[in-house]
Structure formats: C-alpha cells, structure tokens
N, C-alpha and C. Protein backbone atom coordinates (compact mmCIF):
# COMPACT_ATOMS: atom_id res chain seq x y z
N MET A 1 104.36 63.35 115.39
CA MET A 1 102.94 63.83 115.50
C MET A 1 102.53 64.91 116.35
N ASN A 2 101.66 65.70 116.16
CA ASN A 2 101.09 66.79 116.96
C ASN A 2 99.86 66.33 117.73
N TYR A 3 100.48 65.76 118.94
CA TYR A 3 99.37 65.15 119.80
C TYR A 3 98.27 66.21 120.43
N GLU A 4 98.79 67.54 120.71
CA GLU A 4 97.81 68.47 121.06
C GLU A 4 96.81 68.72 120.10
N LEU A 5 97.22 68.74 118.72
CA LEU A 5 96.13 69.14 117.85
C LEU A 5 95.31 67.82 117.84
N LEU A 6 95.57 66.59 117.94
CA LEU A 6 94.87 65.45 117.90
C LEU A 6 93.76 65.40 119.11
N GLN A 7 94.21 65.92 120.37
CA GLN A 7 93.71 65.98 121.43
C GLN A 7 92.40 67.02 121.25
N GLU A 8 92.91 68.08 120.65
CA GLU A 8 91.89 69.35 120.29
C GLU A 8 90.81 68.62 119.26
N LEU A 9 91.12 68.02 118.50
CA LEU A 9 90.30 67.33 117.35
C LEU A 9 89.21 66.38 118.11
N ILE A 10 89.83 65.67 118.89
CA ILE A 10 89.14 64.68 119.54
C ILE A 10 88.01 65.24 120.53
N SER A 11 88.68 66.45 121.22
CA SER A 11 87.49 67.09 122.14
C SER A 11 86.36 67.67 120.93
N HIS A 12 86.93 68.32 119.84
CA HIS A 12 85.88 68.65 119.05
C HIS A 12 84.64 67.74 118.52
N LEU A 13 85.19 66.30 118.30
CA LEU A 13 84.49 65.35 118.04
C LEU A 13 83.59 64.82 119.02
N ALA A 14 83.89 64.95 120.33
CA ALA A 14 83.02 64.50 121.47
C ALA A 14 82.16 65.61 121.70
N GLU A 15 82.33 66.87 121.47
CA GLU A 15 81.52 67.92 121.51
C GLU A 15 80.16 67.67 120.36
N TYR A 16 80.81 67.45 119.07
CA TYR A 16 79.86 67.23 118.00
C TYR A 16 78.85 66.09 118.41
N GLU A 17 79.24 65.09 118.82
CA GLU A 17 78.64 63.83 119.13
C GLU A 17 77.56 64.08 120.02
N SER A 18 77.85 64.72 121.15
CA SER A 18 77.19 65.25 122.29
C SER A 18 75.94 66.16 121.99
N GLN A 19 76.28 67.19 120.94
CA GLN A 19 75.25 68.07 120.74
C GLN A 19 74.52 67.65 119.28
N ARG A 20 74.85 66.95 118.73
CA ARG A 20 74.36 66.43 117.34
C ARG A 20 72.79 65.89 117.58
N SER A 21 71.99 66.44 116.81
CA SER A 21 70.48 65.98 116.99
C SER A 21 70.39 65.04 116.10
N PRO A 22 69.39 63.86 116.37
CA PRO A 22 69.13 62.55 115.45
C PRO A 22 68.92 63.01 113.87
N ALA A 23 68.45 64.07 113.59
CA ALA A 23 68.06 64.65 112.14
C ALA A 23 69.47 65.04 111.50
N GLN A 24 70.70 65.32 112.34
CA GLN A 24 71.78 65.99 111.62
C GLN A 24 72.74 64.57 111.24
N ARG A 25 73.44 64.87 110.17
CA ARG A 25 74.35 63.72 109.56
C ARG A 25 75.29 63.25 110.54
N ARG A 26 75.42 61.91 110.44
CA ARG A 26 76.69 61.42 111.49
C ARG A 26 77.83 60.67 110.57
N ASP A 27 78.36 61.62 109.94
CA ASP A 27 79.46 61.30 108.98
C ASP A 27 80.52 62.27 109.03
N MET A 28 81.66 62.09 108.25
CA MET A 28 82.70 63.00 108.30
C MET A 28 82.22 64.45 107.72
N GLU A 29 81.44 64.44 106.55
CA GLU A 29 81.07 65.48 106.02
C GLU A 29 80.08 66.57 107.33
N GLY A 30 79.23 65.84 107.90
CA GLY A 30 78.68 66.45 109.07
C GLY A 30 79.68 67.00 110.09
N PHE A 31 80.66 66.33 110.31
CA PHE A 31 81.58 66.69 111.33
C PHE A 31 82.49 67.94 110.82
N VAL A 32 82.76 67.74 109.49
CA VAL A 32 83.48 68.79 109.09
C VAL A 32 82.88 70.20 109.03
N SER A 33 81.55 70.10 108.80
CA SER A 33 80.58 71.20 108.71
C SER A 33 80.61 71.80 110.15
N PHE A 34 80.31 71.04 111.05
CA PHE A 34 80.20 71.39 112.60
C PHE A 34 81.52 72.15 112.84
N LEU A 35 82.71 71.52 112.47
CA LEU A 35 84.28 72.03 112.83
C LEU A 35 84.39 73.18 112.22
N ASN A 36 83.97 73.40 110.92
CA ASN A 36 84.08 74.71 110.20
C ASN A 36 83.30 75.77 110.76
N HIS A 37 82.21 75.28 111.33
CA HIS A 37 81.33 76.42 112.13
C HIS A 37 82.05 76.76 113.20
N ARG A 38 82.53 75.98 113.96
CA ARG A 38 83.21 76.39 115.29
C ARG A 38 84.41 77.23 115.13
N VAL A 39 85.31 76.89 114.25
CA VAL A 39 86.63 77.66 113.78
C VAL A 39 86.27 78.91 113.27
N PHE A 40 85.26 78.95 112.32
CA PHE A 40 84.86 80.29 111.65
C PHE A 40 84.53 81.40 112.64
N GLU A 41 83.46 80.58 113.48
CA GLU A 41 82.96 81.40 114.61
C GLU A 41 83.80 81.95 115.51
N LYS A 42 85.01 81.23 115.91
CA LYS A 42 86.06 81.73 116.82
C LYS A 42 86.82 82.70 116.06
N SER A 43 87.34 82.54 114.99
CA SER A 43 88.31 83.27 114.25
C SER A 43 87.59 84.73 113.89
N THR A 44 86.39 84.51 113.58
CA THR A 44 85.68 86.04 113.13
C THR A 44 85.36 86.72 114.20
N GLN A 45 85.07 86.33 115.52
CA GLN A 45 85.03 87.25 116.59
C GLN A 45 86.20 87.91 117.10
N ALA A 46 87.38 87.28 116.92
CA ALA A 46 88.66 87.91 117.14
C ALA A 46 89.20 88.76 116.09
N ALA A 47 88.71 88.68 114.85
CA ALA A 47 89.10 89.56 113.78
C ALA A 47 88.27 90.82 113.35
N VAL A 48 86.95 90.51 113.66
CA VAL A 48 85.97 91.76 113.55
C VAL A 48 86.12 92.96 114.46
N ASN A 49 86.36 94.19 114.16
CA ASN A 49 86.57 95.19 114.86
C ASN A 49 85.47 96.06 114.81
N VAL A 50 84.69 96.06 116.01
CA VAL A 50 83.52 97.13 115.96
C VAL A 50 83.54 98.30 116.94
N GLU A 51 83.78 99.53 116.39
CA GLU A 51 84.00 100.62 117.28
C GLU A 51 82.77 100.74 118.34
N THR A 52 83.25 101.45 119.36
CA THR A 52 82.22 101.66 120.41
C THR A 52 81.10 102.84 119.99
N GLY A 53 79.83 102.20 120.19
CA GLY A 53 78.69 102.94 119.89
C GLY A 53 78.23 102.59 118.54
N GLU A 54 78.90 101.62 117.69
CA GLU A 54 78.53 100.73 116.63
C GLU A 54 77.85 99.70 117.05
N THR A 55 76.77 99.25 116.03
CA THR A 55 76.27 97.82 116.26
C THR A 55 76.94 97.04 115.02
N VAL A 56 76.56 95.72 115.41
CA VAL A 56 77.22 94.77 114.32
C VAL A 56 76.29 95.24 113.15
N GLU A 57 74.98 95.06 113.40
CA GLU A 57 73.92 95.09 112.23
C GLU A 57 74.16 96.44 111.33
N GLY A 58 74.48 97.68 112.17
CA GLY A 58 74.87 98.98 111.53
C GLY A 58 75.90 98.84 110.62
N LEU A 59 77.10 98.26 111.11
CA LEU A 59 78.23 98.05 110.41
C LEU A 59 78.08 97.27 109.32
N LEU A 60 77.21 96.14 109.42
CA LEU A 60 77.21 95.29 108.32
C LEU A 60 76.56 95.80 107.08
N SER A 61 75.53 96.58 107.33
CA SER A 61 74.67 97.42 106.42
C SER A 61 75.50 98.51 105.79
N GLN A 62 76.55 99.09 106.47
CA GLN A 62 77.37 100.13 105.85
C GLN A 62 78.34 99.39 105.02
N LEU A 63 78.92 98.25 105.31
CA LEU A 63 80.01 97.58 104.54
C LEU A 63 79.37 97.02 103.14
N ILE A 64 77.88 96.42 103.40
CA ILE A 64 77.37 96.09 102.15
C ILE A 64 77.00 97.25 101.23
N ALA A 65 76.71 98.38 101.82
CA ALA A 65 76.49 99.50 100.81
C ALA A 65 78.04 99.99 100.29
N PHE A 66 78.85 99.91 101.08
CA PHE A 66 80.17 100.08 100.44
C PHE A 66 80.73 99.17 99.26
N LEU A 67 80.36 97.73 99.49
CA LEU A 67 80.76 97.14 98.61
C LEU A 67 79.69 97.18 97.30
N TYR A 68 78.74 97.67 97.50
CA TYR A 68 77.95 97.67 96.19
C TYR A 68 78.50 98.92 95.43
N ARG A 69 78.83 99.99 96.02
CA ARG A 69 79.45 101.19 95.35
C ARG A 69 80.79 100.82 94.61
N TYR A 70 81.74 100.01 95.48
CA TYR A 70 82.92 99.44 94.85
C TYR A 70 82.70 98.74 93.68
N ALA A 71 81.65 97.73 93.75
CA ALA A 71 81.31 97.06 92.62
C ALA A 71 80.79 97.61 91.36
N LYS A 72 80.06 98.76 91.76
CA LYS A 72 79.26 99.61 90.68
C LYS A 72 80.42 100.28 89.81
N GLY A 73 81.58 100.76 90.62
CA GLY A 73 82.48 101.29 89.70
C GLY A 73 83.25 100.63 88.90
N TYR A 74 83.58 99.24 89.20
CA TYR A 74 84.44 98.36 88.37
C TYR A 74 83.48 97.79 87.31
N ILE A 75 82.24 97.82 87.53
CA ILE A 75 81.43 97.02 86.35
C ILE A 75 81.17 98.45 85.37
N LYS A 76 81.26 99.42 85.82
CA LYS A 76 80.99 100.58 84.94
C LYS A 76 82.36 100.59 84.08
N LYS A 77 83.51 100.38 84.60
CA LYS A 77 84.68 100.14 83.84
C LYS A 77 84.50 99.13 82.81
N ALA A 78 83.98 97.79 83.14
CA ALA A 78 83.84 96.91 82.34
C ALA A 78 82.78 96.91 81.20
N LEU A 79 81.85 97.86 81.25
CA LEU A 79 80.81 98.29 80.37
C LEU A 79 81.14 99.52 79.47
N GLU A 80 82.39 100.01 79.71
CA GLU A 80 82.91 101.21 78.85
C GLU A 80 82.85 101.10 77.38
N GLU A 81 83.19 99.96 76.84
CA GLU A 81 83.22 99.72 75.37
C GLU A 81 82.14 98.88 74.79
N SER A 82 80.97 98.95 75.69
CA SER A 82 79.78 98.08 75.33
C SER A 82 78.56 99.12 75.23
N SER A 83 77.59 98.44 74.47
CA SER A 83 76.29 99.24 74.17
C SER A 83 75.35 99.17 75.24
N LEU A 84 75.87 98.39 76.38
CA LEU A 84 74.95 98.23 77.45
C LEU A 84 75.49 99.51 78.40
N ILE A 85 74.31 100.08 79.07
CA ILE A 85 74.69 101.25 79.66
C ILE A 85 74.99 101.10 81.24
N THR A 86 74.30 100.21 81.62
CA THR A 86 74.23 100.03 83.29
C THR A 86 74.55 98.46 83.66
N LEU A 87 74.70 98.10 84.97
CA LEU A 87 74.56 96.74 85.43
C LEU A 87 73.25 96.26 85.30
N ASP A 88 72.19 97.19 85.29
CA ASP A 88 70.76 96.63 85.06
C ASP A 88 70.53 96.10 83.72
N ASP A 89 71.08 96.94 82.57
CA ASP A 89 70.96 96.45 81.32
C ASP A 89 71.59 95.09 81.22
N PHE A 90 72.75 94.72 82.01
CA PHE A 90 73.60 93.41 81.60
C PHE A 90 72.64 92.58 82.43
N GLY A 91 72.19 92.83 83.54
CA GLY A 91 71.44 91.73 84.26
C GLY A 91 70.17 91.21 83.67
N TYR A 92 69.32 92.32 83.02
CA TYR A 92 68.13 91.92 82.36
C TYR A 92 68.41 91.04 81.05
N LEU A 93 69.58 91.53 80.41
CA LEU A 93 69.76 90.90 79.09
C LEU A 93 70.32 89.48 79.33
N ALA A 94 71.06 89.35 80.49
CA ALA A 94 71.49 87.89 80.80
C ALA A 94 70.35 87.09 81.28
N GLY A 95 69.62 87.54 82.04
CA GLY A 95 68.55 86.90 82.58
C GLY A 95 67.42 86.43 81.47
N ILE A 96 67.20 87.14 80.56
CA ILE A 96 66.59 86.77 79.45
C ILE A 96 67.06 85.78 78.51
N TRP A 97 68.22 85.79 78.28
CA TRP A 97 69.05 85.01 77.59
C TRP A 97 69.23 83.71 78.42
N GLN A 98 69.21 83.62 79.64
CA GLN A 98 69.57 82.31 80.51
C GLN A 98 68.26 81.52 80.56
N THR A 99 67.12 82.37 80.53
CA THR A 99 65.79 81.70 80.64
C THR A 99 65.04 81.25 79.30
N ASP A 100 65.80 81.83 78.23
CA ASP A 100 65.29 81.62 76.88
C ASP A 100 64.17 82.20 76.58
N GLY A 101 64.03 83.52 77.27
CA GLY A 101 62.85 84.30 77.12
C GLY A 101 61.91 84.13 78.52
N CYS A 102 61.32 85.22 78.69
CA CYS A 102 60.53 85.23 79.94
C CYS A 102 59.53 86.56 79.85
N SER A 103 58.74 86.64 80.77
CA SER A 103 57.60 87.75 80.95
C SER A 103 58.57 88.94 81.47
N LYS A 104 57.80 90.23 81.39
CA LYS A 104 58.39 91.37 81.94
C LYS A 104 58.42 91.15 83.36
N THR A 105 57.29 90.61 84.05
CA THR A 105 57.18 90.47 85.50
C THR A 105 58.41 89.59 86.14
N GLU A 106 58.65 88.57 85.41
CA GLU A 106 59.42 87.47 85.71
C GLU A 106 61.06 88.14 85.83
N ILE A 107 61.20 88.85 84.75
CA ILE A 107 62.76 89.58 84.75
C ILE A 107 62.63 90.73 85.63
N ILE A 108 61.81 91.23 85.92
CA ILE A 108 61.82 92.40 86.97
C ILE A 108 62.01 91.78 88.41
N ASP A 109 61.13 90.81 88.45
CA ASP A 109 61.50 90.12 90.02
C ASP A 109 62.65 89.37 90.12
N MET A 110 63.41 88.91 89.03
CA MET A 110 64.47 88.31 89.06
C MET A 110 65.72 89.22 89.49
N ASN A 111 65.48 90.63 89.05
CA ASN A 111 66.40 91.59 89.27
C ASN A 111 66.16 92.19 90.42
N ILE A 112 65.25 91.97 90.98
CA ILE A 112 64.76 92.49 92.54
C ILE A 112 64.66 94.18 92.27
N HIS A 113 63.66 94.50 91.33
CA HIS A 113 63.37 95.80 91.05
C HIS A 113 61.98 96.29 91.23
N GLU A 114 61.71 97.71 91.53
CA GLU A 114 60.48 97.95 91.40
C GLU A 114 59.92 97.88 89.96
N LYS A 115 58.72 98.08 89.84
CA LYS A 115 57.90 97.99 88.38
C LYS A 115 58.47 98.86 87.61
N THR A 116 58.29 100.17 88.13
CA THR A 116 58.59 101.27 87.11
C THR A 116 60.10 101.28 86.82
N THR A 117 60.98 100.94 87.64
CA THR A 117 62.68 101.05 87.42
C THR A 117 62.57 99.78 86.34
N GLY A 118 62.06 98.73 86.48
CA GLY A 118 62.25 97.58 85.34
C GLY A 118 61.64 97.83 84.09
N MET A 119 60.64 98.69 84.03
CA MET A 119 60.14 98.84 82.89
C MET A 119 60.78 100.08 82.05
N GLU A 120 61.81 100.87 82.70
CA GLU A 120 62.50 101.76 82.24
C GLU A 120 63.86 100.85 81.54
N VAL A 121 64.28 99.92 82.14
CA VAL A 121 65.16 99.04 81.62
C VAL A 121 64.92 98.39 80.40
N ILE A 122 63.81 97.61 80.68
CA ILE A 122 63.21 97.01 79.45
C ILE A 122 62.90 98.01 78.20
N LYS A 123 62.27 98.87 78.31
CA LYS A 123 62.23 99.89 77.38
C LYS A 123 63.28 100.25 76.63
N ARG A 124 64.36 100.60 77.46
CA ARG A 124 65.74 100.86 76.92
C ARG A 124 66.46 99.84 75.88
N LEU A 125 66.29 98.65 76.44
CA LEU A 125 66.73 97.55 75.74
C LEU A 125 66.09 97.07 74.60
N VAL A 126 64.59 97.56 74.60
CA VAL A 126 63.65 97.30 73.25
C VAL A 126 64.19 98.40 72.16
N ASN A 127 64.25 99.62 72.80
CA ASN A 127 64.63 100.78 71.91
C ASN A 127 66.07 100.78 71.13
N ASN A 128 66.90 99.93 71.84
CA ASN A 128 68.28 99.73 71.30
C ASN A 128 68.39 98.47 70.42
N GLY A 129 67.08 97.66 70.33
CA GLY A 129 67.25 96.44 69.48
C GLY A 129 67.95 95.34 70.19
N LEU A 130 67.95 95.45 71.44
CA LEU A 130 68.51 94.27 71.99
C LEU A 130 67.85 93.02 72.55
N ILE A 131 66.26 93.36 72.68
CA ILE A 131 65.31 92.51 72.75
C ILE A 131 64.11 92.68 72.21
N VAL A 132 63.18 91.77 72.18
CA VAL A 132 61.99 92.05 71.40
C VAL A 132 60.94 91.53 72.13
N GLN A 133 59.81 92.20 72.18
CA GLN A 133 58.56 91.71 72.89
C GLN A 133 57.50 91.28 72.04
N THR A 134 56.86 89.96 72.61
CA THR A 134 55.91 89.39 71.70
C THR A 134 54.60 89.05 72.50
N ASP A 135 53.40 89.04 72.10
CA ASP A 135 52.40 88.48 72.97
C ASP A 135 52.69 87.15 73.39
N ASP A 136 52.16 86.97 74.77
CA ASP A 136 52.31 85.75 75.38
C ASP A 136 51.03 84.82 74.92
N GLU A 137 51.39 83.73 74.36
CA GLU A 137 50.38 82.83 73.78
C GLU A 137 49.46 82.35 75.01
N ASN A 138 50.09 82.09 76.26
CA ASN A 138 49.19 81.76 77.16
C ASN A 138 48.42 82.78 77.97
N ASP A 139 48.79 84.05 77.83
CA ASP A 139 48.12 85.30 78.58
C ASP A 139 48.22 86.32 77.72
N ARG A 140 47.39 86.79 77.23
CA ARG A 140 47.35 87.87 76.15
C ARG A 140 47.52 89.14 76.83
N ARG A 141 47.38 89.22 78.05
CA ARG A 141 47.60 90.57 78.95
C ARG A 141 49.26 90.76 78.96
N SER A 142 49.86 89.65 78.95
CA SER A 142 51.48 89.67 79.17
C SER A 142 52.09 89.74 77.89
N LYS A 143 53.29 90.09 78.02
CA LYS A 143 54.37 90.03 77.00
C LYS A 143 55.59 89.38 77.11
N ARG A 144 55.99 88.43 76.21
CA ARG A 144 57.06 87.68 76.35
C ARG A 144 58.37 88.48 75.73
N LEU A 145 59.46 88.49 76.47
CA LEU A 145 60.61 89.10 76.13
C LEU A 145 61.72 88.02 75.57
N SER A 146 62.47 88.29 74.35
CA SER A 146 63.42 87.42 73.77
C SER A 146 64.39 88.26 73.58
N ILE A 147 65.84 87.79 73.54
CA ILE A 147 66.93 88.36 73.23
C ILE A 147 67.07 88.31 71.65
N THR A 148 67.65 89.43 70.97
CA THR A 148 67.94 89.44 69.52
C THR A 148 69.34 89.17 69.26
N GLU A 149 69.86 88.84 68.20
CA GLU A 149 71.20 88.57 67.76
C GLU A 149 72.11 89.61 68.17
N LYS A 150 71.59 90.93 68.02
CA LYS A 150 72.13 92.05 68.32
C LYS A 150 72.40 91.98 69.78
N GLY A 151 71.45 91.60 70.54
CA GLY A 151 71.50 91.48 71.86
C GLY A 151 72.61 90.51 72.46
N LYS A 152 72.64 89.31 71.92
CA LYS A 152 73.67 88.15 71.95
C LYS A 152 74.89 88.89 72.02
N GLY A 153 75.17 89.40 70.79
CA GLY A 153 76.34 90.09 70.66
C GLY A 153 76.90 90.93 71.64
N ALA A 154 75.93 91.94 71.96
CA ALA A 154 76.25 92.93 72.94
C ALA A 154 76.43 92.11 74.46
N LEU A 155 75.74 91.17 74.80
CA LEU A 155 76.09 90.58 76.11
C LEU A 155 77.21 89.59 76.04
N PHE A 156 77.43 88.84 74.95
CA PHE A 156 78.71 88.06 74.83
C PHE A 156 80.05 88.75 74.78
N GLY A 157 79.88 90.14 74.16
CA GLY A 157 80.90 90.90 74.00
C GLY A 157 81.41 91.54 75.54
N THR A 158 80.71 91.44 76.58
CA THR A 158 80.81 91.97 77.79
C THR A 158 81.60 90.91 78.89
N PHE A 159 81.42 89.69 78.29
CA PHE A 159 81.88 88.51 79.27
C PHE A 159 83.44 88.69 79.97
N ASP A 160 84.17 88.92 78.98
CA ASP A 160 85.54 89.21 79.19
C ASP A 160 85.80 90.10 80.41
N GLU A 161 85.34 91.11 80.18
CA GLU A 161 85.40 92.33 81.18
C GLU A 161 84.78 92.25 82.42
N MET A 162 83.61 91.62 82.19
CA MET A 162 82.98 91.39 83.46
C MET A 162 83.44 90.53 84.45
N ARG A 163 84.10 89.29 83.83
CA ARG A 163 84.84 88.25 84.47
C ARG A 163 86.00 89.00 85.23
N LYS A 164 86.68 90.05 84.52
CA LYS A 164 87.77 90.80 85.16
C LYS A 164 87.17 91.68 86.61
N ALA A 165 85.98 92.16 86.19
CA ALA A 165 85.46 93.01 87.52
C ALA A 165 85.00 92.14 88.49
N SER A 166 84.62 90.86 88.22
CA SER A 166 84.21 90.08 89.29
C SER A 166 85.29 89.53 90.16
N LEU A 167 86.36 89.14 89.33
CA LEU A 167 87.58 88.80 90.22
C LEU A 167 88.07 89.92 91.05
N ILE A 168 87.88 91.22 90.60
CA ILE A 168 88.36 92.31 91.34
C ILE A 168 87.48 92.57 92.44
N ILE A 169 86.20 92.49 92.45
CA ILE A 169 85.29 92.49 93.45
C ILE A 169 85.49 91.48 94.53
N ALA A 170 85.79 90.10 94.24
CA ALA A 170 86.05 89.12 95.05
C ALA A 170 87.45 89.47 96.04
N GLY A 171 88.03 90.42 95.47
CA GLY A 171 89.28 91.12 96.18
C GLY A 171 90.47 89.97 96.66
N ASN A 172 90.63 90.11 97.97
CA ASN A 172 91.92 89.30 98.44
C ASN A 172 91.29 87.90 99.30
N LEU A 173 89.98 87.67 99.03
CA LEU A 173 89.42 86.42 99.70
C LEU A 173 89.96 85.27 99.21
N ASN A 174 90.42 83.99 100.07
CA ASN A 174 90.86 82.66 99.59
C ASN A 174 89.51 82.17 98.99
N GLU A 175 89.62 80.83 98.41
CA GLU A 175 88.60 79.99 97.97
C GLU A 175 87.70 79.69 99.02
N ILE A 176 88.22 79.33 100.44
CA ILE A 176 87.18 78.81 101.29
C ILE A 176 86.53 80.15 101.77
N GLU A 177 87.25 81.11 101.97
CA GLU A 177 86.36 82.52 102.28
C GLU A 177 85.35 82.84 101.43
N LYS A 178 85.40 82.69 100.03
CA LYS A 178 84.66 82.90 98.82
C LYS A 178 83.50 82.29 99.16
N MET A 179 83.57 80.83 99.61
CA MET A 179 82.52 80.09 99.64
C MET A 179 81.83 80.43 100.91
N GLN A 180 82.41 80.72 101.96
CA GLN A 180 81.73 81.13 103.06
C GLN A 180 80.90 82.39 103.05
N LEU A 181 81.38 83.26 102.29
CA LEU A 181 80.88 84.60 101.99
C LEU A 181 79.71 84.33 101.02
N LEU A 182 79.82 83.48 100.32
CA LEU A 182 78.58 83.15 99.09
C LEU A 182 77.63 82.56 100.13
N HIS A 183 77.92 81.68 100.79
CA HIS A 183 76.88 80.99 101.77
C HIS A 183 76.04 82.13 102.57
N LEU A 184 76.82 83.11 103.12
CA LEU A 184 76.11 83.85 104.11
C LEU A 184 75.21 84.87 103.12
N LEU A 185 75.78 85.34 101.94
CA LEU A 185 74.91 86.16 101.12
C LEU A 185 73.89 85.54 100.60
N GLN A 186 73.81 84.21 100.24
CA GLN A 186 72.88 83.51 99.83
C GLN A 186 71.61 83.42 101.05
N LYS A 187 72.15 83.14 102.07
CA LYS A 187 71.17 83.01 103.29
C LYS A 187 70.55 84.35 103.23
N LEU A 188 71.17 85.55 103.32
CA LEU A 188 70.24 86.81 103.39
C LEU A 188 69.55 87.21 102.25
N HIS A 189 70.08 86.52 100.79
CA HIS A 189 69.13 86.93 99.64
C HIS A 189 67.87 86.00 99.80
N PHE A 190 67.94 84.68 100.27
CA PHE A 190 66.67 84.12 100.61
C PHE A 190 65.65 84.44 101.54
N PHE A 191 66.31 85.31 102.83
CA PHE A 191 65.61 86.00 103.60
C PHE A 191 64.93 87.15 103.04
N HIS A 192 65.48 87.92 102.44
CA HIS A 192 65.33 89.23 102.06
C HIS A 192 64.04 89.10 100.77
N LYS A 193 64.22 88.18 99.44
CA LYS A 193 63.29 88.14 98.58
C LYS A 193 62.16 88.09 98.76
N PRO A 194 61.55 86.98 99.49
CA PRO A 194 60.02 87.00 99.64
C PRO A 194 59.58 88.20 100.53
N LEU A 195 60.17 88.95 101.36
CA LEU A 195 59.81 90.25 101.98
C LEU A 195 59.78 91.33 100.72
N PHE A 196 60.62 91.32 99.95
CA PHE A 196 60.51 92.16 98.93
C PHE A 196 59.29 91.99 97.87
N LEU A 197 59.32 90.75 97.56
CA LEU A 197 58.47 90.41 96.70
C LEU A 197 56.84 90.52 97.07
N HIS A 198 56.66 90.20 98.32
CA HIS A 198 55.35 89.94 99.00
C HIS A 198 54.90 90.72 100.07
N GLU A 199 55.92 91.44 100.61
CA GLU A 199 55.76 92.20 101.94
C GLU A 199 56.32 93.66 101.87
N ARG A 200 56.60 94.12 100.68
CA ARG A 200 57.28 95.50 100.52
C ARG A 200 56.49 96.63 101.01
N ASP A 201 55.12 96.60 100.89
CA ASP A 201 54.33 97.55 101.48
C ASP A 201 54.32 97.76 103.04
N LYS A 202 54.76 97.12 103.63
CA LYS A 202 54.76 96.91 105.23
C LYS A 202 55.51 97.75 105.62
N SER A 203 55.30 98.31 107.10
CA SER A 203 56.34 99.04 107.73
C SER A 203 57.49 98.41 108.02
N LEU A 204 58.38 99.27 108.60
CA LEU A 204 59.68 98.38 108.99
C LEU A 204 59.43 97.72 110.22
N ASP A 205 58.61 98.03 111.15
CA ASP A 205 58.32 97.35 112.27
C ASP A 205 57.32 96.24 111.84
N GLU A 206 56.59 96.18 110.98
CA GLU A 206 55.98 94.86 110.61
C GLU A 206 56.85 93.98 109.76
N LEU A 207 57.88 94.48 109.17
CA LEU A 207 58.80 93.76 108.39
C LEU A 207 59.66 92.98 109.47
N LEU A 208 60.13 93.91 110.39
CA LEU A 208 61.11 93.28 111.58
C LEU A 208 60.54 91.81 112.31
N ASP A 209 59.00 92.23 112.72
CA ASP A 209 58.24 91.27 113.34
C ASP A 209 58.22 89.67 112.27
N LYS A 210 57.92 90.03 111.11
CA LYS A 210 58.23 89.04 110.16
C LYS A 210 59.13 88.34 110.02
N GLY A 211 60.28 89.11 109.76
CA GLY A 211 61.69 88.44 109.99
C GLY A 211 62.06 87.67 111.17
N ARG A 212 61.67 88.28 112.19
CA ARG A 212 61.84 87.45 113.65
C ARG A 212 61.05 86.19 113.85
N ASN A 213 59.81 86.18 113.19
CA ASN A 213 58.87 85.03 113.32
C ASN A 213 59.12 84.16 112.27
N GLY A 214 59.74 84.40 111.13
CA GLY A 214 59.92 83.92 109.95
C GLY A 214 59.39 83.00 109.14
C-alpha cells in the first residue's frame, strides 16, 4: 500500500473539514469536488505558460479567439455539401427545431446576435424555404418561426459531419478535461449572457464595474 499517498489524502480531508462551510456538502461528492479543485488548480499553475509582458486575461482572450477560428474552419468543411451556408444557419435551424418553433427575438437571443445580424440569417432561411414565419396568436406584432420539412432534411443531413467537426474541435482533451472545460465555459457563458442581453449599450468601464459587483 502507498502510505505516502494515503497520508496526503488524509491531509486533504483534514483541510476540507477545516475549511468547509456549514452550507457545503459533507459527503464523498463534496470532498471529491474539493479535491478536484485543489489538484486541478495545482496542475494548471504548473502547466500554463504566460510570457513576460502578457496577462492571463489577454492570453485567455487570444486563445478563445483562436479556438473560434479553428472551429469555424472545421464547421465550414462540415457544411460543404449542405444547403446551409454558415454556422449561424445551422444554429438558427437547430434552435427552431429544438424549441418546436419560437419568435424571432427568442432565436436571435438564443444565438447571441445583434438584431440586424439575426434578421439577415432568418431572411436567408425563409428565402431558402427552410423555415416559415406565421403570425403569433398571442402577439400580433410578433412572428413565430417554424422549421419546414425541407429545413429538417437540411438540418438532419448535417448531423454526421457536424459530429465529426465537434470531435476534432475537442482535440486531445480526455473526458475529465472536457468536463472541466465545459464547466468553465458555461460559467463564462452565464456571466456574459445577461451583460449582452441587457447591458450591451454600456461602456467597457461600466461593464467592468457591473461584472465585479455582479
């Protein structure tokens, strides 16, 4: 038996018990979550390379932009044989199908777009016969969007290639790393979405203060 490992585990358990607040879980799942945070934090600090003069936030922003460009290239390949032109076409069509129909505002907000950009995507999908718009029974000022049979065929026909693209985008991450990254990306998404939807007209200084005071 590896007694050094056991002693290290007991040490972490003692630290967990001493730092745990009354509101935190007192079970194996709570301890594993605490241990995962400790180990991940330690390994990440050792592995991340930040050059002199760079900031962590600046490097993070740059890498997120790079990943978007990589993903955009793979998705472009996935849609080469499809009637869908862009990732936005796919996202809007998938969202309308998944919600069994929605309003223009709902699908635009769902895809984190400005109104003008979203309306262009909707117009393209309507003109290509992939979706239809009808009057909203509850709000005559609004239009409901529904996917057509042609739209379903176009959407379903992309699934295999889009799955391949998503596997490439996930790269060489193992399953644990994928879940860790997913958790962090969702945390950032939940932070940014309300700012985008409700505070987008504010200055960067105002947004920074809003984020800090959250």
